[in-house]
Amino acid sequence: MRYLLVLSIFLSSFQLIAVDSDFSFVNYSTSEGLLHKTVICMFMDKDKFLWVGTTRGLSRFDGYGFKNYIYDKNNKLSLHGTSINAISEGVDGKIWLSSDVGLEYFDKLTETFHLIDLPGIAGTIFLKNVSIDTNGDLWAYNDSTKLLCLDKSGLRYKYKSIDLSKIIANKGKFEVYRFIVQKGVLFVASNKGIFSYNTQTKAVTFIEKREFKHCFAMQKANDSIISMTFLFEGVYLLNSKKQTGKWINKKQLKKDESPKSFSYDATIENDSTLWIATAAGLIARKNDKEKCFNSKSKLSYFDGDLVTSIYKDKDNSVWFGTIENGLYCKKNKSKNFKIATNLYKDDSKKTIANNLLVFDDNSLLYNDLQALYYCKNSSELTP
């Protein structure tokens, strides 16, 4: 979940909007039940419910309508927080929330919320990338509490705080930007470098030791590669199995047409092409050769200049969200892009597509500055 591009969604009235031909997105507004127009995060659970975190509380969408949850001072089992910063699902199906009052979970069986008692750090706001391991442990981070692991012992949850700066003998300011936990190993992007932390042995292994300014996005590009996109420096591809990495920095993008500005997101296509979303277009890099796609090059029918998000779906098609040019898709094994939506073409306030999600049931969700758009079958957008 990105935390620089906060999803400020100004939802207008409900409408059905045609896209390119007879395909449609549905725009849901507060009048149709969405709790608040300002959306911070979104998540789909294993039961196919869509959870939407807003600045006023939590909405759950079942494909037909919304059920909303807000704080009720007279009900100790109601939602405790107001602003929902992150949503994740535990191995037992509990929906975990990071909010402005700390960490809490929603029990689907009882339809109740439970705030985790964290003695001495109650009300702590954690980074938005909360990660849950396969054994059920929840990991979060805060500059004050440091790395926090939450595990269930008996009927109660217990936590332990781990100060990584002391483990790595770091002097000076130490910041964790983002992290992912996989099978007992945390892969961390920090201002001091990229490293792994083994939760069993407590060992820290630096994979790339250098100063970084900000990790804007982190995602699993495939079964072994984690892409880390640094806003100012470039993209780092970390092999989680070998614990090695490859650095694609700005200096390696030497062609005149290559963007030399901010990098926002990255993933790897099945044919090993690395796609990088930047503030001046889209970069495709394979075998140290690159192409740049933007309004100047107009290669393969792509003319977006500011690309903010990339998502690879279960069919290995790659989706690209842009500013001012809407949504594009490059289907698996296809050489060309297809415009999935050009809603409000040439209106820069209504063609932003940045928090882009494509789910396993082929439904698609994204936002612009005017609406939250939902498509039940994304395959129909690019026939």
Protein backbone atom coordinates (compact mmCIF):
# COMPACT_ATOMS: atom_id res chain seq x y z
CA MET A 1 0.00 0.00 0.00
CA ARG A 2 1.46 3.34 -0.96
CA TYR A 3 1.46 6.05 1.61
CA LEU A 4 2.60 9.08 -0.40
CA LEU A 5 -0.24 8.80 -2.86
CA VAL A 6 -3.05 8.81 -0.29
CA LEU A 7 -6.28 7.94 -1.97
CA SER A 8 -8.34 11.09 -1.78
CA ILE A 9 -11.47 10.01 -3.60
CA PHE A 10 -14.12 12.61 -4.09
CA LEU A 11 -17.07 10.39 -4.91
CA SER A 12 -19.88 11.83 -6.94
CA SER A 13 -23.31 10.36 -7.62
CA PHE A 14 -23.76 6.74 -8.68
CA GLN A 15 -23.44 6.16 -12.38
CA LEU A 16 -22.74 3.51 -15.00
CA ILE A 17 -19.94 4.63 -17.30
CA ALA A 18 -19.17 3.21 -20.75
CA VAL A 19 -15.52 2.48 -21.46
CA ASP A 20 -14.36 2.65 -25.09
CA SER A 21 -17.39 0.67 -26.31
CA ASP A 22 -20.01 -1.30 -24.41
CA PHE A 23 -17.88 -2.27 -21.40
CA SER A 24 -18.62 -0.70 -18.07
CA PHE A 25 -17.25 0.36 -14.72
CA VAL A 26 -19.53 1.05 -11.80
CA ASN A 27 -18.86 4.12 -9.71
CA TYR A 28 -20.01 3.78 -6.10
CA SER A 29 -20.59 6.91 -4.05
CA THR A 30 -21.47 7.64 -0.45
CA SER A 31 -25.12 7.72 -1.53
CA GLU A 32 -24.76 4.03 -2.42
CA GLY A 33 -23.36 3.23 1.02
CA LEU A 34 -19.62 3.86 0.95
CA LEU A 35 -18.75 5.25 4.37
CA HIS A 36 -16.61 8.21 3.30
CA LYS A 37 -15.24 9.74 0.11
CA THR A 38 -11.62 9.69 1.33
CA VAL A 39 -10.27 6.17 0.92
CA ILE A 40 -6.88 5.24 2.40
CA CYS A 41 -6.56 1.52 1.65
CA MET A 42 -8.39 -1.43 0.07
CA PHE A 43 -8.13 -5.19 0.53
CA MET A 44 -9.96 -8.31 -0.70
CA ASP A 45 -10.13 -11.26 1.68
CA LYS A 46 -10.32 -14.99 0.96
CA ASP A 47 -14.13 -14.87 1.05
CA LYS A 48 -14.11 -12.25 -1.75
CA PHE A 49 -15.28 -9.40 0.47
CA LEU A 50 -13.74 -6.05 -0.40
CA TRP A 51 -12.66 -4.03 2.64
CA VAL A 52 -12.25 -0.27 2.24
CA GLY A 53 -10.43 1.78 4.88
CA THR A 54 -11.47 5.42 5.05
CA THR A 55 -10.83 8.43 7.27
CA ARG A 56 -14.13 7.80 9.04
CA GLY A 57 -14.12 4.04 9.48
CA LEU A 58 -14.37 0.76 7.58
CA SER A 59 -16.64 -0.34 4.71
CA ARG A 60 -17.20 -3.92 3.53
CA PHE A 61 -18.44 -4.50 -0.02
CA ASP A 62 -19.95 -7.85 -1.09
CA GLY A 63 -20.36 -7.03 -4.77
CA TYR A 64 -23.84 -5.62 -4.28
CA GLY A 65 -23.72 -3.17 -1.39
CA PHE A 66 -21.74 -1.84 1.57
CA LYS A 67 -21.83 -2.63 5.26
CA ASN A 68 -20.16 0.06 7.35
CA TYR A 69 -18.37 -0.06 10.68
CA ILE A 70 -17.65 3.02 12.80
CA TYR A 71 -16.55 3.75 16.35
CA ASP A 72 -19.32 3.60 18.94
CA LYS A 73 -18.28 4.72 22.43
CA ASN A 74 -21.18 2.73 23.92
CA ASN A 75 -20.11 -0.54 22.32
CA LYS A 76 -16.70 -1.93 23.30
CA LEU A 77 -16.93 -4.48 20.47
CA SER A 78 -17.37 -1.85 17.76
CA LEU A 79 -14.59 -0.54 15.58
CA HIS A 80 -12.10 1.30 17.80
CA GLY A 81 -10.23 3.41 15.26
CA THR A 82 -11.42 6.14 12.95
CA SER A 83 -8.78 6.33 10.21
CA ILE A 84 -7.97 2.89 8.82
CA ASN A 85 -4.38 2.91 7.56
CA ALA A 86 -3.84 -0.74 6.57
CA ILE A 87 -5.84 -3.95 6.19
CA SER A 88 -4.60 -7.55 6.11
CA GLU A 89 -5.97 -11.05 6.73
CA GLY A 90 -4.64 -13.57 9.20
CA VAL A 91 -4.25 -17.28 8.49
CA ASP A 92 -7.34 -17.86 10.65
CA GLY A 93 -9.46 -15.43 8.61
CA LYS A 94 -9.38 -12.52 11.04
CA ILE A 95 -9.25 -9.10 9.38
CA TRP A 96 -6.42 -7.07 10.89
CA LEU A 97 -6.46 -3.29 10.91
CA SER A 98 -3.84 -0.66 11.61
CA SER A 99 -5.68 2.47 12.68
CA ASP A 100 -5.19 5.73 14.52
CA VAL A 101 -5.58 3.92 17.86
CA GLY A 102 -3.30 0.95 17.22
CA LEU A 103 -3.86 -2.62 16.03
CA GLU A 104 -7.21 -4.39 16.11
CA TYR A 105 -8.93 -7.27 14.36
CA PHE A 106 -12.41 -8.12 13.13
CA ASP A 107 -13.83 -11.55 13.98
CA LYS A 108 -16.04 -12.64 11.06
CA LEU A 109 -17.87 -15.26 13.13
CA THR A 110 -19.04 -12.85 15.83
CA GLU A 111 -18.96 -9.65 13.75
CA THR A 112 -16.99 -7.96 16.53
CA PHE A 113 -13.82 -5.86 16.75
CA HIS A 114 -11.05 -6.40 19.29
CA LEU A 115 -8.35 -3.85 20.09
CA ILE A 116 -5.02 -5.40 21.01
CA ASP A 117 -3.81 -4.36 24.45
CA LEU A 118 -0.25 -3.12 24.01
CA PRO A 119 0.93 -1.97 27.46
CA GLY A 120 2.92 1.23 27.30
CA ILE A 121 2.32 1.82 23.60
CA ALA A 122 -1.47 2.09 23.39
CA GLY A 123 -2.60 4.33 20.57
CA THR A 124 0.57 3.87 18.57
CA ILE A 125 0.17 4.41 14.83
CA PHE A 126 2.13 1.85 12.84
CA LEU A 127 3.48 2.01 9.32
CA LYS A 128 0.85 1.09 6.78
CA ASN A 129 2.55 -2.03 5.52
CA VAL A 130 1.44 -4.56 8.14
CA SER A 131 2.65 -8.04 7.14
CA ILE A 132 1.44 -11.46 8.36
CA ASP A 133 3.63 -14.56 8.14
CA THR A 134 2.44 -18.05 7.21
CA ASN A 135 2.55 -19.07 10.89
CA GLY A 136 0.10 -16.30 11.78
CA ASP A 137 2.55 -13.84 13.34
CA LEU A 138 1.77 -10.20 12.56
CA TRP A 139 4.62 -7.76 12.00
CA ALA A 140 4.39 -3.98 12.14
CA TYR A 141 6.79 -1.09 12.57
CA ASN A 142 6.86 2.25 14.32
CA ASP A 143 9.85 4.54 14.88
CA SER A 144 9.16 4.53 18.64
CA THR A 145 8.21 0.89 19.25
CA LYS A 146 10.58 -0.37 16.53
CA LEU A 147 9.78 -3.69 14.86
CA LEU A 148 6.83 -5.34 16.57
CA CYS A 149 5.79 -8.99 16.37
CA LEU A 150 2.33 -9.96 17.56
CA ASP A 151 1.57 -13.63 18.23
CA LYS A 152 -1.21 -15.47 20.02
CA SER A 153 -0.34 -17.34 23.17
CA GLY A 154 -3.39 -19.09 24.61
CA LEU A 155 -6.35 -16.72 24.62
CA ARG A 156 -4.30 -13.53 24.52
CA TYR A 157 -2.05 -11.85 22.01
CA LYS A 158 1.47 -11.02 23.12
CA TYR A 159 3.99 -8.76 21.49
CA LYS A 160 7.72 -8.33 21.40
CA SER A 161 9.63 -5.30 20.22
CA ILE A 162 12.83 -5.66 18.23
CA ASP A 163 15.22 -2.76 17.77
CA LEU A 164 16.93 -3.56 14.47
CA SER A 165 19.25 -0.57 14.77
CA LYS A 166 20.94 -2.20 17.78
CA ILE A 167 21.21 -5.58 16.07
CA ILE A 168 22.99 -4.08 13.08
CA ALA A 169 25.04 -1.78 15.36
CA ASN A 170 23.81 1.25 13.52
CA LYS A 171 24.84 4.72 14.60
CA GLY A 172 22.72 7.69 13.69
CA LYS A 173 19.13 7.84 12.52
CA PHE A 174 17.67 4.53 11.39
CA GLU A 175 14.43 4.34 9.39
CA VAL A 176 12.45 1.38 8.06
CA TYR A 177 10.59 2.30 4.87
CA ARG A 178 8.86 -0.96 3.96
CA PHE A 179 9.12 -4.68 4.61
CA ILE A 180 7.67 -8.07 3.64
CA VAL A 181 7.74 -11.24 5.75
CA GLN A 182 8.04 -14.64 4.06
CA LYS A 183 8.36 -17.94 5.95
CA GLY A 184 10.02 -16.46 9.00
CA VAL A 185 12.28 -14.00 7.16
CA LEU A 186 11.70 -10.26 6.94
CA PHE A 187 13.03 -8.42 3.91
CA VAL A 188 13.50 -4.79 4.85
CA ALA A 189 14.12 -1.59 2.88
CA SER A 190 15.67 1.03 5.14
CA ASN A 191 17.65 4.24 4.92
CA LYS A 192 20.79 2.22 5.65
CA GLY A 193 20.24 -0.42 3.00
CA ILE A 194 18.34 -3.60 2.17
CA PHE A 195 18.65 -6.55 4.51
CA SER A 196 16.97 -9.72 5.73
CA TYR A 197 16.08 -10.53 9.32
CA ASN A 198 15.65 -14.18 10.32
CA THR A 199 12.96 -14.24 13.00
CA GLN A 200 14.24 -17.55 14.39
CA THR A 201 18.00 -17.00 14.53
CA LYS A 202 17.74 -13.18 14.94
CA ALA A 203 20.42 -12.85 12.28
CA VAL A 204 20.61 -9.77 10.05
CA THR A 205 22.13 -10.14 6.59
CA PHE A 206 22.76 -7.06 4.46
CA ILE A 207 21.99 -7.66 0.81
CA GLU A 208 22.64 -4.08 -0.32
CA LYS A 209 24.37 -1.81 2.17
CA ARG A 210 24.12 1.84 1.16
CA GLU A 211 22.14 5.00 1.92
CA PHE A 212 18.61 5.22 0.54
CA LYS A 213 16.17 8.13 0.71
CA HIS A 214 12.74 6.55 0.29
CA CYS A 215 11.23 3.22 -0.77
CA PHE A 216 8.00 4.16 -2.51
CA ALA A 217 6.66 0.69 -3.31
CA MET A 218 7.43 -2.96 -2.59
CA GLN A 219 5.71 -5.95 -4.15
CA LYS A 220 6.23 -9.63 -4.97
CA ALA A 221 7.11 -9.61 -8.68
CA ASN A 222 7.04 -13.42 -8.85
CA ASP A 223 7.64 -16.45 -6.63
CA SER A 224 11.23 -15.49 -5.86
CA ILE A 225 11.69 -11.80 -6.74
CA ILE A 226 10.63 -8.83 -4.60
CA SER A 227 10.73 -5.49 -6.40
CA MET A 228 11.64 -2.45 -4.31
CA THR A 229 11.07 0.89 -6.01
CA PHE A 230 13.01 3.82 -4.59
CA LEU A 231 11.59 7.21 -5.44
CA PHE A 232 14.92 8.91 -6.14
CA GLU A 233 17.39 6.09 -6.80
CA GLY A 234 15.77 3.43 -8.99
CA VAL A 235 14.65 -0.20 -8.59
CA TYR A 236 16.16 -3.06 -6.62
CA LEU A 237 15.26 -6.66 -7.51
CA LEU A 238 15.74 -8.93 -4.52
CA ASN A 239 15.86 -12.71 -4.87
CA SER A 240 14.25 -13.85 -1.62
CA LYS A 241 15.37 -17.47 -2.07
CA LYS A 242 19.05 -16.73 -2.74
CA GLN A 243 19.08 -13.48 -0.73
CA THR A 244 20.90 -11.71 -3.53
CA GLY A 245 19.87 -8.69 -5.55
CA LYS A 246 20.28 -6.65 -8.70
CA TRP A 247 20.29 -2.88 -8.67
CA ILE A 248 18.82 -0.86 -11.57
CA ASN A 249 19.76 2.71 -10.74
CA LYS A 250 19.06 5.96 -12.55
CA LYS A 251 22.55 6.06 -14.07
CA GLN A 252 21.88 2.82 -15.93
CA LEU A 253 18.97 4.45 -17.77
CA LYS A 254 21.20 6.26 -20.24
CA LYS A 255 19.09 6.60 -23.37
CA ASP A 256 17.98 10.11 -24.19
CA GLU A 257 14.34 9.09 -24.13
CA SER A 258 14.60 7.39 -20.74
CA PRO A 259 12.90 9.14 -17.84
CA LYS A 260 15.31 10.60 -15.30
CA SER A 261 12.72 11.53 -12.70
CA PHE A 262 10.89 9.77 -9.89
CA SER A 263 10.25 6.00 -9.92
CA TYR A 264 6.95 4.80 -8.46
CA ASP A 265 6.48 1.07 -9.00
CA ALA A 266 7.93 -2.00 -10.74
CA THR A 267 7.18 -5.62 -11.57
CA ILE A 268 8.48 -8.42 -13.79
CA GLU A 269 6.56 -9.95 -16.67
CA ASN A 270 6.69 -13.71 -17.32
CA ASP A 271 9.20 -13.23 -20.14
CA SER A 272 11.53 -11.55 -17.56
CA THR A 273 10.84 -8.00 -18.79
CA LEU A 274 11.17 -5.49 -15.97
CA TRP A 275 8.52 -2.76 -16.09
CA ILE A 276 9.23 0.49 -14.23
CA ALA A 277 6.60 3.18 -13.65
CA THR A 278 8.13 6.67 -13.63
CA ALA A 279 7.10 10.30 -13.69
CA ALA A 280 8.04 10.56 -17.37
CA GLY A 281 6.69 7.36 -18.84
CA LEU A 282 7.05 3.60 -18.70
CA ILE A 283 10.38 1.77 -18.95
CA ALA A 284 10.70 -1.81 -20.21
CA ARG A 285 14.08 -3.41 -19.50
CA LYS A 286 15.24 -6.86 -20.59
CA ASN A 287 18.76 -8.27 -20.97
CA ASP A 288 20.15 -4.79 -20.19
CA LYS A 289 18.28 -3.34 -23.16
CA GLU A 290 15.49 -0.87 -22.63
CA LYS A 291 12.57 0.87 -24.25
CA CYS A 292 10.69 3.91 -23.07
CA PHE A 293 6.96 4.28 -23.64
CA ASN A 294 5.34 7.71 -23.38
CA SER A 295 3.57 10.37 -25.46
CA LYS A 296 6.82 11.18 -27.24
CA SER A 297 7.63 7.64 -28.36
CA LYS A 298 4.03 6.38 -28.80
CA LEU A 299 5.38 2.84 -29.00
CA SER A 300 2.93 -0.07 -29.02
CA TYR A 301 -0.05 2.30 -28.54
CA PHE A 302 1.09 3.55 -25.13
CA ASP A 303 1.12 7.33 -24.66
CA GLY A 304 1.02 7.79 -20.87
CA ASP A 305 3.57 10.19 -19.42
CA LEU A 306 3.16 9.81 -15.67
CA VAL A 307 2.78 6.16 -14.66
CA THR A 308 2.03 5.68 -10.96
CA SER A 309 1.14 2.01 -10.47
CA ILE A 310 1.70 -1.44 -11.95
CA TYR A 311 -0.15 -4.65 -11.20
CA LYS A 312 0.36 -8.15 -12.64
CA ASP A 313 -2.77 -10.31 -12.47
CA LYS A 314 -3.13 -14.09 -12.11
CA ASP A 315 -3.18 -14.48 -15.91
CA ASN A 316 0.17 -12.63 -16.06
CA SER A 317 -1.30 -9.65 -17.85
CA VAL A 318 0.24 -6.37 -16.65
CA TRP A 319 -1.91 -3.35 -15.83
CA PHE A 320 -0.66 0.23 -15.70
CA GLY A 321 -2.29 3.16 -13.94
CA THR A 322 -1.43 6.64 -15.22
CA ILE A 323 -2.08 10.27 -14.52
CA GLU A 324 -4.19 11.97 -17.24
CA ASN A 325 -4.27 8.91 -19.54
CA GLY A 326 -6.31 6.38 -17.58
CA LEU A 327 -5.67 2.66 -17.44
CA TYR A 328 -3.65 0.46 -19.82
CA CYS A 329 -3.21 -3.30 -20.07
CA LYS A 330 -0.56 -5.43 -21.74
CA LYS A 331 -1.89 -8.95 -22.04
CA ASN A 332 0.40 -11.91 -21.49
CA LYS A 333 2.55 -12.57 -24.61
CA SER A 334 1.09 -9.55 -26.40
CA LYS A 335 3.42 -6.93 -27.88
CA ASN A 336 0.97 -4.05 -27.72
CA PHE A 337 -0.90 -2.17 -25.02
CA LYS A 338 -4.65 -1.74 -24.89
CA ILE A 339 -6.44 1.22 -23.34
CA ALA A 340 -8.70 -0.27 -20.69
CA THR A 341 -10.35 3.05 -19.96
CA ASN A 342 -10.06 6.59 -21.25
CA LEU A 343 -12.77 8.03 -19.02
CA TYR A 344 -13.01 11.80 -19.28
CA LYS A 345 -10.17 11.97 -21.79
CA ASP A 346 -8.10 15.17 -21.56
CA ASP A 347 -9.57 16.05 -18.14
CA SER A 348 -6.54 15.68 -15.86
CA LYS A 349 -8.71 15.70 -12.74
CA LYS A 350 -10.70 12.66 -13.87
CA THR A 351 -8.24 10.34 -15.57
CA ILE A 352 -5.95 9.42 -12.68
CA ALA A 353 -5.64 5.68 -12.06
CA ASN A 354 -3.25 5.06 -9.15
CA ASN A 355 -4.35 2.55 -6.48
CA LEU A 356 -4.86 -0.25 -8.99
CA LEU A 357 -5.92 -3.74 -7.86
CA VAL A 358 -6.83 -6.80 -9.96
CA PHE A 359 -8.20 -9.73 -7.95
CA ASP A 360 -8.14 -13.47 -8.57
CA ASP A 361 -11.80 -13.47 -9.59
CA ASN A 362 -10.84 -11.03 -12.41
CA SER A 363 -12.58 -8.08 -10.79
CA LEU A 364 -10.69 -4.79 -10.98
CA LEU A 365 -10.69 -1.72 -8.77
CA TYR A 366 -9.00 1.65 -9.09
CA ASN A 367 -9.60 5.29 -8.28
CA ASP A 368 -9.21 8.70 -9.82
CA LEU A 369 -9.84 12.07 -8.21
CA GLN A 370 -13.55 11.82 -8.85
CA ALA A 371 -14.60 8.25 -8.16
CA LEU A 372 -13.98 4.68 -7.08
CA TYR A 373 -14.33 2.41 -10.13
CA TYR A 374 -15.20 -1.27 -9.97
CA CYS A 375 -15.32 -3.76 -12.84
CA LYS A 376 -16.58 -7.30 -12.17
CA ASN A 377 -14.73 -8.82 -15.12
CA SER A 378 -11.50 -7.11 -16.17
CA SER A 379 -11.01 -9.51 -19.10
CA GLU A 380 -13.87 -7.75 -20.88
CA LEU A 381 -11.96 -4.46 -20.86
CA THR A 382 -9.28 -5.70 -23.26
CA PRO A 383 -10.87 -8.32 -25.54
